[in-house]
Structure formats: C-alpha cells, structure tokens
Amino acid sequence: MRENVLLDKSFAFAIRIVNLYKYLCAEKKEYVLSKQLLRCGTSIGANVNEAQDAQSRNDFISKLSISLKETRETRYWIELLKKTNFLTVKEAGSLLKDLAEITKLLISIIKSAKENNAKK
C-alpha cells in the first residue's frame, strides 16, 4: 500500500489535538475554546480521510478544500489559546509548525488536482 503523507500527518495532528483537549480540560479547566479546537483540528484529518474515497475529482477537491478551511480555523483557535495564556508560545509554535506543513500539502494537492481537472 502506498504511503500517504497527508493522511499520516493529519491523523497524527488529530491525535495531538485530542491530547491537547484533554490537557486543557483537566489541567487548565478550559472547556469552550478547547472544544472548538477539538472540532476543527480533528476535522482536518477526517475530511482528508473522506477524500480518499471521493466519488469524483471535484468531490476530492471539495473534501480537501474543507480540510484547508479547517486548518485556518484551527490556526485561529491555537493563536487565541496562546494569546490568552492557555498555551505557551512553545506549545503553540509546535502545533502551528505541524499545521503549516499540513496546510502546504493541502494547497499543493488541491492546486494539482484542479490543474489536472482543467486538462480534462
């Protein structure tokens, strides 16, 4: 079976988000912002996973585009948690670095799929 870097990275990121959610609830007693982060941070990988069985190239592009939108929302919540001192600069930086890698992969794959779609 072929390695899928985007699938692997988005799944690993979702695991980090789930663990962060548990930490924020247990240690920081923060329940609202962390729930928002949990939803969008895990949605990235869920939509990437769904795209694997897309019904068409347009469906594939759509699913990955949703993932890309979720990366923007995830970045927002991480930044907000950092600015409100629920996350340290180091913690947020590590998450944002991983998120940037996923974002770059998504942009590249979406762009390539759209170009291939236009050629048909």
N, C-alpha and C. Protein backbone atom coordinates (compact mmCIF):
# COMPACT_ATOMS: atom_id res chain seq x y z
N MET A 1 0.84 -1.18 0.00
CA MET A 1 0.00 0.00 0.00
C MET A 1 0.89 1.25 0.00
N ARG A 2 0.51 2.24 -0.79
CA ARG A 2 1.29 3.47 -0.90
C ARG A 2 1.18 4.31 0.36
N GLU A 3 2.28 4.95 0.70
CA GLU A 3 2.31 5.86 1.84
C GLU A 3 1.56 7.14 1.46
N ASN A 4 0.77 7.65 2.37
CA ASN A 4 0.04 8.89 2.16
C ASN A 4 0.46 9.86 3.25
N VAL A 5 1.38 10.74 2.92
CA VAL A 5 1.95 11.66 3.89
C VAL A 5 0.87 12.57 4.49
N LEU A 6 -0.02 13.08 3.66
CA LEU A 6 -1.07 13.97 4.15
C LEU A 6 -1.99 13.23 5.13
N LEU A 7 -2.37 12.03 4.79
CA LEU A 7 -3.23 11.23 5.66
C LEU A 7 -2.53 10.98 7.00
N ASP A 8 -1.26 10.59 6.93
CA ASP A 8 -0.50 10.30 8.15
C ASP A 8 -0.31 11.54 9.02
N LYS A 9 0.06 12.65 8.40
CA LYS A 9 0.29 13.89 9.15
C LYS A 9 -1.00 14.45 9.74
N SER A 10 -2.08 14.38 9.00
CA SER A 10 -3.34 14.90 9.52
C SER A 10 -3.87 14.03 10.66
N PHE A 11 -3.63 12.73 10.59
CA PHE A 11 -4.05 11.82 11.67
C PHE A 11 -3.21 12.07 12.92
N ALA A 12 -1.90 12.19 12.73
CA ALA A 12 -1.01 12.47 13.87
C ALA A 12 -1.36 13.81 14.51
N PHE A 13 -1.72 14.79 13.68
CA PHE A 13 -2.12 16.09 14.21
C PHE A 13 -3.41 15.97 15.01
N ALA A 14 -4.35 15.18 14.52
CA ALA A 14 -5.62 14.97 15.25
C ALA A 14 -5.36 14.36 16.62
N ILE A 15 -4.42 13.44 16.69
CA ILE A 15 -4.06 12.83 17.98
C ILE A 15 -3.51 13.91 18.92
N ARG A 16 -2.66 14.78 18.41
CA ARG A 16 -2.13 15.88 19.23
C ARG A 16 -3.26 16.78 19.73
N ILE A 17 -4.22 17.05 18.86
CA ILE A 17 -5.34 17.92 19.23
C ILE A 17 -6.20 17.26 20.31
N VAL A 18 -6.47 15.97 20.18
CA VAL A 18 -7.25 15.26 21.20
C VAL A 18 -6.52 15.31 22.54
N ASN A 19 -5.21 15.05 22.52
CA ASN A 19 -4.43 15.10 23.76
C ASN A 19 -4.40 16.51 24.34
N LEU A 20 -4.30 17.51 23.48
CA LEU A 20 -4.33 18.90 23.95
C LEU A 20 -5.68 19.21 24.58
N TYR A 21 -6.76 18.76 23.97
CA TYR A 21 -8.10 18.97 24.51
C TYR A 21 -8.19 18.37 25.92
N LYS A 22 -7.72 17.15 26.07
CA LYS A 22 -7.77 16.51 27.39
C LYS A 22 -6.96 17.30 28.42
N TYR A 23 -5.78 17.77 28.00
CA TYR A 23 -4.93 18.57 28.88
C TYR A 23 -5.61 19.89 29.26
N LEU A 24 -6.17 20.59 28.29
CA LEU A 24 -6.82 21.88 28.57
C LEU A 24 -8.00 21.71 29.51
N CYS A 25 -8.75 20.65 29.35
CA CYS A 25 -9.89 20.40 30.25
C CYS A 25 -9.42 20.02 31.65
N ALA A 26 -8.48 19.10 31.73
CA ALA A 26 -8.05 18.57 33.03
C ALA A 26 -7.18 19.55 33.81
N GLU A 27 -6.22 20.16 33.13
CA GLU A 27 -5.24 21.00 33.82
C GLU A 27 -5.60 22.47 33.87
N LYS A 28 -6.18 22.98 32.82
CA LYS A 28 -6.46 24.42 32.72
C LYS A 28 -7.93 24.74 32.97
N LYS A 29 -8.75 23.69 33.08
CA LYS A 29 -10.20 23.87 33.28
C LYS A 29 -10.82 24.76 32.20
N GLU A 30 -10.36 24.58 30.98
CA GLU A 30 -10.85 25.35 29.84
C GLU A 30 -11.67 24.39 28.98
N TYR A 31 -12.95 24.72 28.77
CA TYR A 31 -13.86 23.80 28.10
C TYR A 31 -14.45 24.33 26.79
N VAL A 32 -14.54 25.61 26.63
CA VAL A 32 -15.22 26.17 25.47
C VAL A 32 -14.28 26.30 24.27
N LEU A 33 -13.19 27.02 24.43
CA LEU A 33 -12.24 27.19 23.32
C LEU A 33 -11.65 25.85 22.90
N SER A 34 -11.35 25.02 23.88
CA SER A 34 -10.75 23.72 23.58
C SER A 34 -11.70 22.83 22.78
N LYS A 35 -13.00 22.94 23.02
CA LYS A 35 -13.98 22.16 22.27
C LYS A 35 -14.00 22.60 20.81
N GLN A 36 -13.91 23.92 20.60
CA GLN A 36 -13.85 24.45 19.23
C GLN A 36 -12.60 23.91 18.51
N LEU A 37 -11.47 23.94 19.22
CA LEU A 37 -10.22 23.44 18.66
C LEU A 37 -10.32 21.95 18.36
N LEU A 38 -10.94 21.21 19.25
CA LEU A 38 -11.11 19.76 19.05
C LEU A 38 -11.89 19.49 17.76
N ARG A 39 -12.97 20.23 17.56
CA ARG A 39 -13.82 20.00 16.38
C ARG A 39 -13.07 20.27 15.08
N CYS A 40 -12.47 21.45 14.97
CA CYS A 40 -11.82 21.78 13.70
C CYS A 40 -10.50 21.06 13.51
N GLY A 41 -9.75 20.87 14.60
CA GLY A 41 -8.45 20.20 14.49
C GLY A 41 -8.54 18.75 14.09
N THR A 42 -9.60 18.08 14.49
CA THR A 42 -9.78 16.68 14.09
C THR A 42 -10.51 16.57 12.75
N SER A 43 -11.24 17.61 12.40
CA SER A 43 -11.96 17.62 11.13
C SER A 43 -11.02 17.63 9.93
N ILE A 44 -9.83 18.19 10.11
CA ILE A 44 -8.86 18.23 9.01
C ILE A 44 -8.60 16.82 8.50
N GLY A 45 -8.19 15.95 9.40
CA GLY A 45 -7.88 14.58 9.03
C GLY A 45 -9.10 13.78 8.60
N ALA A 46 -10.24 14.07 9.23
CA ALA A 46 -11.47 13.35 8.85
C ALA A 46 -11.83 13.62 7.40
N ASN A 47 -11.69 14.88 6.96
CA ASN A 47 -12.01 15.22 5.58
C ASN A 47 -10.94 14.71 4.61
N VAL A 48 -9.70 14.70 5.03
CA VAL A 48 -8.63 14.11 4.21
C VAL A 48 -8.94 12.62 4.02
N ASN A 49 -9.35 11.97 5.08
CA ASN A 49 -9.69 10.55 5.01
C ASN A 49 -10.89 10.32 4.08
N GLU A 50 -11.89 11.16 4.19
CA GLU A 50 -13.06 11.05 3.31
C GLU A 50 -12.68 11.25 1.85
N ALA A 51 -11.74 12.13 1.59
CA ALA A 51 -11.32 12.42 0.22
C ALA A 51 -10.72 11.19 -0.46
N GLN A 52 -10.22 10.25 0.32
CA GLN A 52 -9.60 9.05 -0.24
C GLN A 52 -10.60 8.22 -1.05
N ASP A 53 -11.86 8.33 -0.69
CA ASP A 53 -12.91 7.59 -1.41
C ASP A 53 -13.88 8.54 -2.10
N ALA A 54 -13.34 9.64 -2.58
CA ALA A 54 -14.19 10.63 -3.25
C ALA A 54 -14.85 10.02 -4.48
N GLN A 55 -16.05 10.50 -4.79
CA GLN A 55 -16.81 9.97 -5.91
C GLN A 55 -16.33 10.52 -7.24
N SER A 56 -15.63 11.65 -7.20
CA SER A 56 -15.12 12.27 -8.42
C SER A 56 -13.94 13.17 -8.05
N ARG A 57 -13.27 13.67 -9.07
CA ARG A 57 -12.17 14.60 -8.81
C ARG A 57 -12.70 15.87 -8.13
N ASN A 58 -13.88 16.33 -8.55
CA ASN A 58 -14.48 17.51 -7.92
C ASN A 58 -14.82 17.25 -6.45
N ASP A 59 -15.30 16.06 -6.15
CA ASP A 59 -15.59 15.69 -4.78
C ASP A 59 -14.30 15.65 -3.96
N PHE A 60 -13.24 15.11 -4.56
CA PHE A 60 -11.92 15.06 -3.92
C PHE A 60 -11.44 16.47 -3.59
N ILE A 61 -11.53 17.36 -4.55
CA ILE A 61 -11.11 18.75 -4.35
C ILE A 61 -11.96 19.41 -3.27
N SER A 62 -13.25 19.13 -3.28
CA SER A 62 -14.15 19.71 -2.29
C SER A 62 -13.79 19.26 -0.87
N LYS A 63 -13.56 17.98 -0.69
CA LYS A 63 -13.22 17.46 0.64
C LYS A 63 -11.90 18.06 1.14
N LEU A 64 -10.92 18.15 0.25
CA LEU A 64 -9.64 18.72 0.67
C LEU A 64 -9.76 20.22 0.90
N SER A 65 -10.64 20.88 0.17
CA SER A 65 -10.87 22.31 0.39
C SER A 65 -11.51 22.55 1.76
N ILE A 66 -12.37 21.65 2.17
CA ILE A 66 -12.94 21.75 3.52
C ILE A 66 -11.83 21.57 4.56
N SER A 67 -10.96 20.62 4.33
CA SER A 67 -9.82 20.42 5.24
C SER A 67 -8.98 21.69 5.33
N LEU A 68 -8.75 22.33 4.20
CA LEU A 68 -7.96 23.56 4.17
C LEU A 68 -8.65 24.65 4.99
N LYS A 69 -9.96 24.77 4.86
CA LYS A 69 -10.70 25.75 5.67
C LYS A 69 -10.57 25.43 7.16
N GLU A 70 -10.59 24.17 7.48
CA GLU A 70 -10.45 23.76 8.88
C GLU A 70 -9.06 24.09 9.43
N THR A 71 -8.03 24.09 8.57
CA THR A 71 -6.70 24.47 9.04
C THR A 71 -6.69 25.93 9.46
N ARG A 72 -7.41 26.77 8.71
CA ARG A 72 -7.48 28.20 9.06
C ARG A 72 -8.17 28.41 10.40
N GLU A 73 -9.27 27.69 10.62
CA GLU A 73 -9.98 27.82 11.89
C GLU A 73 -9.12 27.28 13.03
N THR A 74 -8.46 26.17 12.80
CA THR A 74 -7.59 25.58 13.82
C THR A 74 -6.49 26.56 14.21
N ARG A 75 -5.89 27.19 13.23
CA ARG A 75 -4.84 28.18 13.50
C ARG A 75 -5.40 29.31 14.38
N TYR A 76 -6.61 29.74 14.06
CA TYR A 76 -7.26 30.80 14.85
C TYR A 76 -7.36 30.41 16.32
N TRP A 77 -7.87 29.21 16.61
CA TRP A 77 -8.06 28.78 17.99
C TRP A 77 -6.73 28.58 18.70
N ILE A 78 -5.73 28.08 18.01
CA ILE A 78 -4.41 27.92 18.63
C ILE A 78 -3.84 29.30 18.99
N GLU A 79 -3.94 30.24 18.07
CA GLU A 79 -3.45 31.60 18.33
C GLU A 79 -4.20 32.23 19.51
N LEU A 80 -5.51 32.04 19.56
CA LEU A 80 -6.31 32.59 20.65
C LEU A 80 -5.92 31.95 21.98
N LEU A 81 -5.74 30.65 21.98
CA LEU A 81 -5.32 29.97 23.21
C LEU A 81 -3.93 30.44 23.66
N LYS A 82 -3.08 30.74 22.71
CA LYS A 82 -1.75 31.27 23.04
C LYS A 82 -1.87 32.67 23.63
N LYS A 83 -2.62 33.53 22.99
CA LYS A 83 -2.76 34.93 23.43
C LYS A 83 -3.47 35.05 24.77
N THR A 84 -4.26 34.05 25.12
CA THR A 84 -4.98 34.08 26.40
C THR A 84 -4.28 33.21 27.46
N ASN A 85 -3.04 32.82 27.16
CA ASN A 85 -2.16 32.11 28.08
C ASN A 85 -2.62 30.71 28.49
N PHE A 86 -3.46 30.10 27.66
CA PHE A 86 -3.78 28.70 27.89
C PHE A 86 -2.70 27.80 27.28
N LEU A 87 -2.01 28.32 26.26
CA LEU A 87 -0.88 27.62 25.64
C LEU A 87 0.35 28.52 25.73
N THR A 88 1.50 27.89 25.92
CA THR A 88 2.74 28.66 25.88
C THR A 88 3.10 28.95 24.43
N VAL A 89 4.00 29.88 24.25
CA VAL A 89 4.49 30.19 22.90
C VAL A 89 5.11 28.94 22.28
N LYS A 90 5.82 28.18 23.06
CA LYS A 90 6.48 26.96 22.56
C LYS A 90 5.44 25.91 22.15
N GLU A 91 4.43 25.70 23.00
CA GLU A 91 3.38 24.72 22.68
C GLU A 91 2.64 25.12 21.41
N ALA A 92 2.24 26.38 21.34
CA ALA A 92 1.51 26.86 20.16
C ALA A 92 2.39 26.77 18.93
N GLY A 93 3.66 27.14 19.07
CA GLY A 93 4.59 27.11 17.94
C GLY A 93 4.75 25.72 17.36
N SER A 94 4.81 24.72 18.20
CA SER A 94 4.94 23.34 17.75
C SER A 94 3.70 22.90 16.96
N LEU A 95 2.54 23.24 17.50
CA LEU A 95 1.28 22.91 16.81
C LEU A 95 1.17 23.65 15.48
N LEU A 96 1.52 24.94 15.50
CA LEU A 96 1.42 25.75 14.28
C LEU A 96 2.39 25.28 13.21
N LYS A 97 3.53 24.77 13.62
CA LYS A 97 4.51 24.23 12.66
C LYS A 97 3.92 23.01 11.95
N ASP A 98 3.36 22.10 12.72
CA ASP A 98 2.72 20.91 12.13
C ASP A 98 1.55 21.31 11.23
N LEU A 99 0.78 22.27 11.69
CA LEU A 99 -0.38 22.74 10.92
C LEU A 99 0.07 23.38 9.61
N ALA A 100 1.17 24.12 9.64
CA ALA A 100 1.69 24.75 8.41
C ALA A 100 2.10 23.69 7.39
N GLU A 101 2.69 22.60 7.84
CA GLU A 101 3.07 21.51 6.93
C GLU A 101 1.83 20.90 6.27
N ILE A 102 0.81 20.68 7.07
CA ILE A 102 -0.44 20.11 6.52
C ILE A 102 -1.07 21.08 5.54
N THR A 103 -1.07 22.36 5.89
CA THR A 103 -1.64 23.39 5.02
C THR A 103 -0.93 23.42 3.67
N LYS A 104 0.40 23.38 3.69
CA LYS A 104 1.18 23.39 2.44
C LYS A 104 0.86 22.17 1.58
N LEU A 105 0.76 21.02 2.22
CA LEU A 105 0.42 19.80 1.48
C LEU A 105 -0.96 19.92 0.85
N LEU A 106 -1.92 20.40 1.62
CA LEU A 106 -3.29 20.56 1.10
C LEU A 106 -3.32 21.51 -0.08
N ILE A 107 -2.67 22.64 0.05
CA ILE A 107 -2.65 23.63 -1.04
C ILE A 107 -2.04 23.02 -2.30
N SER A 108 -0.94 22.32 -2.13
CA SER A 108 -0.26 21.70 -3.27
C SER A 108 -1.13 20.65 -3.96
N ILE A 109 -1.77 19.80 -3.16
CA ILE A 109 -2.59 18.73 -3.73
C ILE A 109 -3.84 19.31 -4.40
N ILE A 110 -4.48 20.28 -3.75
CA ILE A 110 -5.66 20.91 -4.35
C ILE A 110 -5.30 21.59 -5.66
N LYS A 111 -4.19 22.31 -5.67
CA LYS A 111 -3.76 23.01 -6.89
C LYS A 111 -3.51 22.01 -8.01
N SER A 112 -2.81 20.94 -7.71
CA SER A 112 -2.52 19.91 -8.70
C SER A 112 -3.79 19.24 -9.21
N ALA A 113 -4.71 18.94 -8.30
CA ALA A 113 -5.98 18.31 -8.72
C ALA A 113 -6.78 19.24 -9.60
N LYS A 114 -6.80 20.53 -9.27
CA LYS A 114 -7.53 21.49 -10.09
C LYS A 114 -6.90 21.62 -11.47
N GLU A 115 -5.57 21.64 -11.55
CA GLU A 115 -4.88 21.71 -12.84
C GLU A 115 -5.18 20.48 -13.67
N ASN A 116 -5.14 19.31 -13.05
CA ASN A 116 -5.45 18.08 -13.76
C ASN A 116 -6.90 18.04 -14.22
N ASN A 117 -7.78 18.61 -13.41
CA ASN A 117 -9.20 18.69 -13.75
C ASN A 117 -9.42 19.59 -14.96
N ALA A 118 -8.67 20.67 -15.01
CA ALA A 118 -8.80 21.64 -16.13
C ALA A 118 -8.29 21.04 -17.44
N LYS A 119 -7.35 20.11 -17.37
CA LYS A 119 -6.79 19.49 -18.57
C LYS A 119 -7.76 18.52 -19.22
N LYS A 120 -8.72 18.05 -18.45
CA LYS A 120 -9.66 17.06 -18.98
C LYS A 120 -10.74 17.70 -19.80
